[in-house]
PDB file of N, CA and C in Angstrom:
ATOM      1  N   MET A   1     -35.754 -60.474  69.805  1.00  0.00           N
ATOM      2  CA  MET A   1     -34.372 -60.060  70.420  1.00  0.00           C
ATOM      3  C   MET A   1     -33.470 -58.824  69.147  1.00  0.00           C
ATOM      4  N   SER A   2     -32.956 -58.150  69.506  1.00  0.00           N
ATOM      5  CA  SER A   2     -32.305 -57.475  68.727  1.00  0.00           C
ATOM      6  C   SER A   2     -30.606 -58.190  68.918  1.00  0.00           C
ATOM      7  N   THR A   3     -29.761 -58.645  67.578  1.00  0.00           N
ATOM      8  CA  THR A   3     -28.724 -59.030  68.371  1.00  0.00           C
ATOM      9  C   THR A   3     -27.585 -57.954  69.082  1.00  0.00           C
ATOM     10  N   HIS A   4     -27.665 -56.526  69.337  1.00  0.00           N
ATOM     11  CA  HIS A   4     -27.608 -55.013  70.421  1.00  0.00           C
ATOM     12  C   HIS A   4     -27.803 -55.879  71.654  1.00  0.00           C
ATOM     13  N   ASP A   5     -28.437 -56.714  72.257  1.00  0.00           N
ATOM     14  CA  ASP A   5     -29.081 -57.129  73.084  1.00  0.00           C
ATOM     15  C   ASP A   5     -28.542 -58.276  74.213  1.00  0.00           C
ATOM     16  N   LEU A   6     -28.041 -59.267  72.548  1.00  0.00           N
ATOM     17  CA  LEU A   6     -27.255 -60.464  73.233  1.00  0.00           C
ATOM     18  C   LEU A   6     -25.871 -59.805  73.683  1.00  0.00           C
ATOM     19  N   MET A   7     -25.285 -60.511  74.722  1.00  0.00           N
ATOM     20  CA  MET A   7     -23.562 -60.968  75.519  1.00  0.00           C
ATOM     21  C   MET A   7     -22.942 -61.463  74.760  1.00  0.00           C
ATOM     22  N   SER A   8     -21.578 -60.886  74.804  1.00  0.00           N
ATOM     23  CA  SER A   8     -20.415 -61.683  74.071  1.00  0.00           C
ATOM     24  C   SER A   8     -20.404 -62.536  75.117  1.00  0.00           C
ATOM     25  N   THR A   9     -19.156 -63.761  74.710  1.00  0.00           N
ATOM     26  CA  THR A   9     -18.589 -64.755  75.580  1.00  0.00           C
ATOM     27  C   THR A   9     -17.843 -63.352  76.327  1.00  0.00           C
ATOM     28  N   ARG A  10     -17.330 -62.926  75.999  1.00  0.00           N
ATOM     29  CA  ARG A  10     -16.617 -61.885  77.033  1.00  0.00           C
ATOM     30  C   ARG A  10     -17.573 -61.332  77.839  1.00  0.00           C
ATOM     31  N   ASP A  11     -18.671 -60.453  77.724  1.00  0.00           N
ATOM     32  CA  ASP A  11     -19.697 -60.050  78.811  1.00  0.00           C
ATOM     33  C   ASP A  11     -20.236 -60.791  79.662  1.00  0.00           C
ATOM     34  N   VAL A  12     -20.324 -62.275  78.960  1.00  0.00           N
ATOM     35  CA  VAL A  12     -20.874 -63.244  80.012  1.00  0.00           C
ATOM     36  C   VAL A  12     -19.631 -63.980  81.173  1.00  0.00           C
ATOM     37  N   ALA A  13     -18.369 -63.282  80.356  1.00  0.00           N
ATOM     38  CA  ALA A  13     -17.000 -64.447  81.465  1.00  0.00           C
ATOM     39  C   ALA A  13     -17.201 -63.173  82.709  1.00  0.00           C
ATOM     40  N   ARG A  14     -16.939 -61.369  82.557  1.00  0.00           N
ATOM     41  CA  ARG A  14     -16.825 -60.669  83.004  1.00  0.00           C
ATOM     42  C   ARG A  14     -18.646 -60.468  84.640  1.00  0.00           C
ATOM     43  N   ASP A  15     -19.446 -60.810  83.857  1.00  0.00           N
ATOM     44  CA  ASP A  15     -20.303 -60.924  84.844  1.00  0.00           C
ATOM     45  C   ASP A  15     -20.668 -62.323  85.732  1.00  0.00           C
ATOM     46  N   LEU A  16     -19.935 -63.425  84.998  1.00  0.00           N
ATOM     47  CA  LEU A  16     -20.133 -64.127  86.433  1.00  0.00           C
ATOM     48  C   LEU A  16     -18.441 -64.525  86.649  1.00  0.00           C
ATOM     49  N   GLN A  17     -17.848 -63.558  86.245  1.00  0.00           N
ATOM     50  CA  GLN A  17     -16.657 -63.153  87.243  1.00  0.00           C
ATOM     51  C   GLN A  17     -15.531 -65.327  87.163  1.00  0.00           C
ATOM     52  N   VAL A  18     -15.456 -65.183  85.817  1.00  0.00           N
ATOM     53  CA  VAL A  18     -15.278 -66.401  85.685  1.00  0.00           C
ATOM     54  C   VAL A  18     -14.038 -65.570  83.761  1.00  0.00           C
ATOM     55  N   SER A  19     -12.966 -66.973  83.539  1.00  0.00           N
ATOM     56  CA  SER A  19     -12.365 -66.544  82.570  1.00  0.00           C
ATOM     57  C   SER A  19     -13.367 -66.445  80.984  1.00  0.00           C
ATOM     58  N   ARG A  20     -13.337 -66.335  80.067  1.00  0.00           N
ATOM     59  CA  ARG A  20     -13.786 -66.742  78.684  1.00  0.00           C
ATOM     60  C   ARG A  20     -13.324 -68.802  79.178  1.00  0.00           C
ATOM     61  N   GLN A  21     -12.622 -68.879  78.644  1.00  0.00           N
ATOM     62  CA  GLN A  21     -12.647 -70.235  78.987  1.00  0.00           C
ATOM     63  C   GLN A  21     -13.260 -71.488  79.740  1.00  0.00           C
ATOM     64  N   HIS A  22     -13.393 -70.337  80.855  1.00  0.00           N
ATOM     65  CA  HIS A  22     -14.209 -70.919  81.627  1.00  0.00           C
ATOM     66  C   HIS A  22     -16.247 -70.897  80.877  1.00  0.00           C
ATOM     67  N   VAL A  23     -15.688 -69.888  80.359  1.00  0.00           N
ATOM     68  CA  VAL A  23     -17.151 -69.748  79.770  1.00  0.00           C
ATOM     69  C   VAL A  23     -17.647 -70.818  78.233  1.00  0.00           C
ATOM     70  N   ALA A  24     -16.166 -70.659  77.860  1.00  0.00           N
ATOM     71  CA  ALA A  24     -16.174 -72.358  76.676  1.00  0.00           C
ATOM     72  C   ALA A  24     -16.770 -73.546  77.398  1.00  0.00           C
ATOM     73  N   ARG A  25     -16.307 -74.034  78.777  1.00  0.00           N
ATOM     74  CA  ARG A  25     -16.939 -75.087  79.676  1.00  0.00           C
ATOM     75  C   ARG A  25     -18.283 -75.274  79.941  1.00  0.00           C
ATOM     76  N   LEU A  26     -18.635 -74.488  79.778  1.00  0.00           N
ATOM     77  CA  LEU A  26     -19.614 -74.143  80.522  1.00  0.00           C
ATOM     78  C   LEU A  26     -20.667 -74.933  79.575  1.00  0.00           C
ATOM     79  N   VAL A  27     -20.387 -74.178  78.276  1.00  0.00           N
ATOM     80  CA  VAL A  27     -21.062 -73.800  76.565  1.00  0.00           C
ATOM     81  C   VAL A  27     -21.141 -75.755  76.567  1.00  0.00           C
ATOM     82  N   ALA A  28     -19.768 -75.861  76.839  1.00  0.00           N
ATOM     83  CA  ALA A  28     -19.421 -77.370  75.933  1.00  0.00           C
ATOM     84  C   ALA A  28     -20.291 -78.488  77.295  1.00  0.00           C
ATOM     85  N   ALA A  29     -20.586 -77.936  78.417  1.00  0.00           N
ATOM     86  CA  ALA A  29     -20.994 -79.027  79.420  1.00  0.00           C
ATOM     87  C   ALA A  29     -22.745 -79.427  79.548  1.00  0.00           C
ATOM     88  N   GLU A  30     -22.796 -78.422  78.754  1.00  0.00           N
ATOM     89  CA  GLU A  30     -24.526 -78.048  78.365  1.00  0.00           C
ATOM     90  C   GLU A  30     -24.785 -77.327  79.408  1.00  0.00           C
ATOM     91  N   GLN A  31     -24.071 -76.609  80.028  1.00  0.00           N
ATOM     92  CA  GLN A  31     -24.606 -75.766  81.342  1.00  0.00           C
ATOM     93  C   GLN A  31     -24.996 -74.437  81.581  1.00  0.00           C
ATOM     94  N   LEU A  32     -24.567 -73.527  79.793  1.00  0.00           N
ATOM     95  CA  LEU A  32     -24.878 -72.398  79.455  1.00  0.00           C
ATOM     96  C   LEU A  32     -25.414 -72.574  77.942  1.00  0.00           C
ATOM     97  N   LYS A  33     -26.356 -72.203  77.779  1.00  0.00           N
ATOM     98  CA  LYS A  33     -26.397 -72.517  76.186  1.00  0.00           C
ATOM     99  C   LYS A  33     -26.692 -70.931  75.824  1.00  0.00           C
ATOM    100  N   PRO A  34     -26.121 -71.333  74.313  1.00  0.00           N
ATOM    101  CA  PRO A  34     -25.671 -69.806  73.519  1.00  0.00           C
ATOM    102  C   PRO A  34     -26.966 -69.341  72.859  1.00  0.00           C
ATOM    103  N   TYR A  35     -27.390 -68.209  72.441  1.00  0.00           N
ATOM    104  CA  TYR A  35     -28.194 -68.468  71.971  1.00  0.00           C
ATOM    105  C   TYR A  35     -27.907 -68.640  70.057  1.00  0.00           C
ATOM    106  N   LEU A  36     -27.209 -67.523  69.936  1.00  0.00           N
ATOM    107  CA  LEU A  36     -26.346 -68.549  68.597  1.00  0.00           C
ATOM    108  C   LEU A  36     -25.280 -67.937  68.455  1.00  0.00           C
ATOM    109  N   GLN A  37     -24.443 -69.146  67.686  1.00  0.00           N
ATOM    110  CA  GLN A  37     -23.342 -68.622  67.023  1.00  0.00           C
ATOM    111  C   GLN A  37     -22.755 -68.884  65.763  1.00  0.00           C
ATOM    112  N   ALA A  38     -21.482 -67.736  66.291  1.00  0.00           N
ATOM    113  CA  ALA A  38     -21.326 -67.070  64.383  1.00  0.00           C
ATOM    114  C   ALA A  38     -21.399 -67.789  63.388  1.00  0.00           C
ATOM    115  N   PRO A  39     -21.649 -68.010  62.034  1.00  0.00           N
ATOM    116  CA  PRO A  39     -20.678 -68.951  61.388  1.00  0.00           C
ATOM    117  C   PRO A  39     -18.731 -69.088  61.378  1.00  0.00           C
ATOM    118  N   GLY A  40     -18.204 -70.193  60.719  1.00  0.00           N
ATOM    119  CA  GLY A  40     -17.315 -70.764  61.217  1.00  0.00           C
ATOM    120  C   GLY A  40     -17.163 -71.829  62.460  1.00  0.00           C
ATOM    121  N   ALA A  41     -15.780 -72.062  61.498  1.00  0.00           N
ATOM    122  CA  ALA A  41     -15.824 -73.227  62.857  1.00  0.00           C
ATOM    123  C   ALA A  41     -15.402 -72.789  64.048  1.00  0.00           C
ATOM    124  N   ARG A  42     -14.762 -71.789  63.992  1.00  0.00           N
ATOM    125  CA  ARG A  42     -14.238 -70.916  65.149  1.00  0.00           C
ATOM    126  C   ARG A  42     -15.239 -69.970  65.834  1.00  0.00           C
ATOM    127  N   GLY A  43     -16.565 -69.928  65.266  1.00  0.00           N
ATOM    128  CA  GLY A  43     -17.128 -68.708  65.206  1.00  0.00           C
ATOM    129  C   GLY A  43     -17.909 -68.347  67.385  1.00  0.00           C
ATOM    130  N   ALA A  44     -18.267 -66.931  67.568  1.00  0.00           N
ATOM    131  CA  ALA A  44     -17.949 -66.703  68.271  1.00  0.00           C
ATOM    132  C   ALA A  44     -19.320 -67.198  69.339  1.00  0.00           C
ATOM    133  N   TYR A  45     -19.491 -67.322  70.244  1.00  0.00           N
ATOM    134  CA  TYR A  45     -21.081 -67.373  70.794  1.00  0.00           C
ATOM    135  C   TYR A  45     -21.759 -66.290  71.412  1.00  0.00           C
ATOM    136  N   MET A  46     -23.116 -66.174  71.504  1.00  0.00           N
ATOM    137  CA  MET A  46     -23.500 -64.370  71.599  1.00  0.00           C
ATOM    138  C   MET A  46     -24.602 -65.300  72.785  1.00  0.00           C
ATOM    139  N   PHE A  47     -24.646 -64.653  73.854  1.00  0.00           N
ATOM    140  CA  PHE A  47     -26.015 -65.519  74.916  1.00  0.00           C
ATOM    141  C   PHE A  47     -26.706 -64.087  75.700  1.00  0.00           C
ATOM    142  N   HIS A  48     -28.626 -64.263  75.636  1.00  0.00           N
ATOM    143  CA  HIS A  48     -29.307 -64.144  75.877  1.00  0.00           C
ATOM    144  C   HIS A  48     -28.910 -63.800  77.183  1.00  0.00           C
ATOM    145  N   PRO A  49     -29.483 -62.287  77.777  1.00  0.00           N
ATOM    146  CA  PRO A  49     -29.002 -62.114  78.919  1.00  0.00           C
ATOM    147  C   PRO A  49     -30.372 -62.909  80.190  1.00  0.00           C
ATOM    148  N   ALA A  50     -31.178 -62.936  79.388  1.00  0.00           N
ATOM    149  CA  ALA A  50     -31.652 -64.453  80.827  1.00  0.00           C
ATOM    150  C   ALA A  50     -30.885 -65.673  81.030  1.00  0.00           C
ATOM    151  N   GLU A  51     -30.595 -66.117  79.968  1.00  0.00           N
ATOM    152  CA  GLU A  51     -29.584 -67.315  80.035  1.00  0.00           C
ATOM    153  C   GLU A  51     -28.498 -66.733  81.179  1.00  0.00           C
ATOM    154  N   VAL A  52     -27.910 -66.347  80.787  1.00  0.00           N
ATOM    155  CA  VAL A  52     -26.689 -65.582  81.511  1.00  0.00           C
ATOM    156  C   VAL A  52     -27.241 -65.459  82.861  1.00  0.00           C
ATOM    157  N   GLU A  53     -28.453 -65.115  83.389  1.00  0.00           N
ATOM    158  CA  GLU A  53     -29.094 -64.519  84.852  1.00  0.00           C
ATOM    159  C   GLU A  53     -29.565 -66.054  85.644  1.00  0.00           C
ATOM    160  N   ARG A  54     -30.072 -66.919  84.597  1.00  0.00           N
ATOM    161  CA  ARG A  54     -30.286 -68.688  84.596  1.00  0.00           C
ATOM    162  C   ARG A  54     -28.823 -69.179  85.436  1.00  0.00           C
ATOM    163  N   VAL A  55     -27.792 -68.878  84.881  1.00  0.00           N
ATOM    164  CA  VAL A  55     -26.549 -69.249  85.254  1.00  0.00           C
ATOM    165  C   VAL A  55     -26.429 -69.134  86.940  1.00  0.00           C
ATOM    166  N   LYS A  56     -25.802 -67.819  86.879  1.00  0.00           N
ATOM    167  CA  LYS A  56     -26.157 -67.482  87.991  1.00  0.00           C
ATOM    168  C   LYS A  56     -26.373 -66.974  88.663  1.00  0.00           C
ATOM    169  N   ARG A  57     -28.135 -67.132  89.086  1.00  0.00           N
ATOM    170  CA  ARG A  57     -28.319 -67.742  90.121  1.00  0.00           C
ATOM    171  C   ARG A  57     -28.402 -69.560  90.694  1.00  0.00           C
ATOM    172  N   GLU A  58     -28.826 -70.339  89.572  1.00  0.00           N
ATOM    173  CA  GLU A  58     -27.813 -71.214  89.968  1.00  0.00           C
ATOM    174  C   GLU A  58     -26.334 -71.653  90.881  1.00  0.00           C
ATOM    175  N   ARG A  59     -25.226 -70.666  90.070  1.00  0.00           N
ATOM    176  CA  ARG A  59     -23.960 -70.702  91.131  1.00  0.00           C
ATOM    177  C   ARG A  59     -24.305 -70.445  91.811  1.00  0.00           C
ATOM    178  N   LEU A  60     -25.077 -69.326  92.261  1.00  0.00           N
ATOM    179  CA  LEU A  60     -25.524 -68.977  93.969  1.00  0.00           C
ATOM    180  C   LEU A  60     -25.499 -70.004  94.413  1.00  0.00           C
ATOM    181  N   ALA A  61     -26.698 -70.496  94.275  1.00  0.00           N
ATOM    182  CA  ALA A  61     -27.334 -71.528  94.854  1.00  0.00           C
ATOM    183  C   ALA A  61     -26.436 -72.785  95.282  1.00  0.00           C
ATOM    184  N   ASP A  62     -26.051 -73.277  94.489  1.00  0.00           N
ATOM    185  CA  ASP A  62     -24.576 -74.097  94.610  1.00  0.00           C
ATOM    186  C   ASP A  62     -23.946 -73.907  95.626  1.00  0.00           C
ATOM    187  N   ARG A  63     -23.521 -72.366  95.807  1.00  0.00           N
ATOM    188  CA  ARG A  63     -22.238 -71.899  97.034  1.00  0.00           C
ATOM    189  C   ARG A  63     -22.684 -72.836  98.067  1.00  0.00           C
ATOM    190  N   PRO A  64     -21.779 -72.673  99.122  1.00  0.00           N
ATOM    191  CA  PRO A  64     -21.665 -73.575 100.320  1.00  0.00           C
ATOM    192  C   PRO A  64     -22.283 -72.200 101.107  1.00  0.00           C
ATOM    193  N   SER A  65     -22.819 -72.354 102.233  1.00  0.00           N
ATOM    194  CA  SER A  65     -23.206 -70.783 103.111  1.00  0.00           C
ATOM    195  C   SER A  65     -22.499 -70.455 103.743  1.00  0.00           C
ATOM    196  N   SER A  66     -21.630 -69.436 103.932  1.00  0.00           N
ATOM    197  CA  SER A  66     -20.718 -69.006 105.111  1.00  0.00           C
ATOM    198  C   SER A  66     -21.164 -69.070 106.135  1.00  0.00           C
ATOM    199  N   PRO A  67     -19.718 -69.640 107.159  1.00  0.00           N
ATOM    200  CA  PRO A  67     -19.935 -69.638 108.123  1.00  0.00           C
ATOM    201  C   PRO A  67     -20.021 -68.044 109.046  1.00  0.00           C
ATOM    202  N   THR A  68     -21.641 -68.055 110.200  1.00  0.00           N
ATOM    203  CA  THR A  68     -21.782 -67.147 110.949  1.00  0.00           C
ATOM    204  C   THR A  68     -20.659 -66.079 111.393  1.00  0.00           C
ATOM    205  N   ALA A  69     -21.007 -65.038 111.614  1.00  0.00           N
ATOM    206  CA  ALA A  69     -19.441 -64.591 112.519  1.00  0.00           C
ATOM    207  C   ALA A  69     -20.538 -65.221 113.747  1.00  0.00           C
ATOM    208  N   GLY A  70     -18.967 -64.380 114.902  1.00  0.00           N
ATOM    209  CA  GLY A  70     -19.237 -65.374 116.502  1.00  0.00           C
ATOM    210  C   GLY A  70     -18.898 -66.421 116.697  1.00  0.00           C
ATOM    211  N   GLY A  71     -19.516 -67.549 116.986  1.00  0.00           N
ATOM    212  CA  GLY A  71     -18.899 -69.217 116.990  1.00  0.00           C
ATOM    213  C   GLY A  71     -19.683 -69.271 118.816  1.00  0.00           C
ATOM    214  N   THR A  72     -19.317 -70.344 119.049  1.00  0.00           N
ATOM    215  CA  THR A  72     -19.841 -70.698 120.912  1.00  0.00           C
ATOM    216  C   THR A  72     -19.386 -70.303 121.578  1.00  0.00           C
ATOM    217  N   ASP A  73     -20.127 -70.083 123.183  1.00  0.00           N
ATOM    218  CA  ASP A  73     -18.810 -70.113 123.747  1.00  0.00           C
ATOM    219  C   ASP A  73     -19.083 -71.179 124.928  1.00  0.00           C
TER     220      ASP A  73
END
């Protein structure tokens, strides 16, 4: 895989519609696994698109169903 195909934390946050801080929390909770981390104490994470899609699918599956329109008479 080329590093050009990887997603930055900013890309992931935009794709999941969350903050960059939330992405960092997902990584810390081991719910999102980075493909690599740049060297250094604050090295940037890079993510494989398939991992991001996995998390997105899980998040959608965990959402409660919205009530149906209408109601009972």
